């Protein structure tokens, strides 16, 4: 019998991608967290989950820039994140 590994729940950043794809519009981290908590059962510990998500998105952008991988997120304006595929490639991440 083959043992299956328990399914790993998606990270807050992966959920943010999913939520932004569904909404097709830029959102604030707080909005993303509210939807992820309500609709996807996301549980984030700490007093400021929206600040944590914001930091996680910025860290992903930096890692992808360093490795030459395609970006998923773009900062549309202060406090608002969108997906490159929906917002447009003419926006540059403001990190």
Protein backbone atom coordinates (compact mmCIF):
# COMPACT_ATOMS: atom_id res chain seq x y z
CA UNK A 1 0.00 0.00 0.00
CA UNK A 2 1.33 3.45 -0.94
CA UNK A 3 1.20 6.11 1.72
CA UNK A 4 0.08 9.51 0.56
CA UNK A 5 1.51 12.64 2.03
CA UNK A 6 -1.08 14.88 3.61
CA UNK A 7 -2.11 17.66 1.28
CA UNK A 8 -0.23 20.83 2.00
CA UNK A 9 -2.49 23.82 2.40
CA UNK A 10 -1.71 26.73 0.07
CA UNK A 11 0.42 29.56 1.39
CA UNK A 12 -1.02 33.01 1.96
CA UNK A 13 0.80 34.20 -1.18
CA UNK A 14 -0.65 31.38 -3.30
CA UNK A 15 -4.11 32.17 -1.94
CA UNK A 16 -3.54 35.83 -2.78
CA UNK A 17 -2.81 34.84 -6.39
CA UNK A 18 -5.99 32.75 -6.51
CA UNK A 19 -8.10 35.56 -5.01
CA UNK A 20 -6.63 38.22 -7.30
CA UNK A 21 -7.24 35.97 -10.33
CA UNK A 22 -10.88 35.60 -9.36
CA UNK A 23 -11.41 39.31 -8.70
CA UNK A 24 -9.38 40.51 -11.73
CA UNK A 25 -8.68 43.77 -9.90
CA UNK A 26 -6.01 45.07 -7.53
CA UNK A 27 -6.69 44.68 -3.81
CA UNK A 28 -5.25 45.67 -0.46
CA UNK A 29 -3.67 42.91 1.65
CA UNK A 30 -6.38 43.38 4.28
CA UNK A 31 -9.06 42.65 1.68
CA UNK A 32 -7.19 39.57 0.47
CA UNK A 33 -6.81 38.27 4.04
CA UNK A 34 -10.53 38.75 4.75
CA UNK A 35 -11.49 36.74 1.66
CA UNK A 36 -8.84 34.07 2.30
CA UNK A 37 -10.01 33.64 5.88
CA UNK A 38 -13.70 33.55 5.03
CA UNK A 39 -13.62 31.52 1.81
CA UNK A 40 -10.46 29.43 2.01
CA UNK A 41 -10.05 28.85 5.74
CA UNK A 42 -6.71 30.63 5.96
CA UNK A 43 -5.43 30.87 9.51
CA UNK A 44 -2.70 33.40 10.16
CA UNK A 45 -1.37 33.98 13.64
CA UNK A 46 -0.32 37.38 14.82
CA UNK A 47 -1.77 40.81 15.27
CA UNK A 48 -1.26 42.07 11.71
CA UNK A 49 -1.88 39.34 9.13
CA UNK A 50 -2.29 41.95 6.39
CA UNK A 51 1.19 43.32 7.11
CA UNK A 52 2.54 39.77 7.05
CA UNK A 53 0.93 39.10 3.67
CA UNK A 54 2.29 42.39 2.32
CA UNK A 55 5.78 41.40 3.48
CA UNK A 56 5.42 37.90 2.00
CA UNK A 57 4.45 39.38 -1.38
CA UNK A 58 7.44 41.76 -1.33
CA UNK A 59 9.76 38.88 -0.41
CA UNK A 60 8.41 36.78 -3.28
CA UNK A 61 9.04 39.65 -5.71
CA UNK A 62 12.61 39.99 -4.48
CA UNK A 63 13.26 36.22 -4.72
CA UNK A 64 11.84 36.03 -8.22
CA UNK A 65 13.83 39.08 -9.35
CA UNK A 66 17.03 37.55 -7.96
CA UNK A 67 16.40 34.22 -9.70
CA UNK A 68 15.17 35.70 -12.98
CA UNK A 69 11.74 34.12 -12.69
CA UNK A 70 8.58 35.81 -13.97
CA UNK A 71 6.75 38.04 -11.53
CA UNK A 72 3.21 37.29 -10.38
CA UNK A 73 2.51 40.45 -8.39
CA UNK A 74 2.76 44.12 -9.17
CA UNK A 75 2.20 47.06 -6.84
CA UNK A 76 -0.36 49.20 -8.61
CA UNK A 77 -0.28 51.98 -6.03
CA UNK A 78 0.75 52.12 -2.39
CA UNK A 79 -1.09 49.41 -0.49
CA UNK A 80 -2.67 47.78 -3.56
CA UNK A 81 -1.41 44.61 -5.25
CA UNK A 82 -2.49 43.19 -8.56
CA UNK A 83 -1.40 40.37 -10.81
CA UNK A 84 0.89 41.15 -13.70
CA UNK A 85 -1.34 39.16 -16.06
CA UNK A 86 -4.38 41.35 -15.30
CA UNK A 87 -2.95 44.72 -14.45
CA UNK A 88 -0.53 44.90 -17.35
CA UNK A 89 3.17 44.57 -17.75
CA UNK A 90 3.76 48.30 -17.98
CA UNK A 91 3.57 48.57 -14.17
CA UNK A 92 6.83 48.02 -12.37
CA UNK A 93 6.95 46.61 -8.82
CA UNK A 94 7.59 49.44 -6.42
CA UNK A 95 9.91 47.65 -3.97
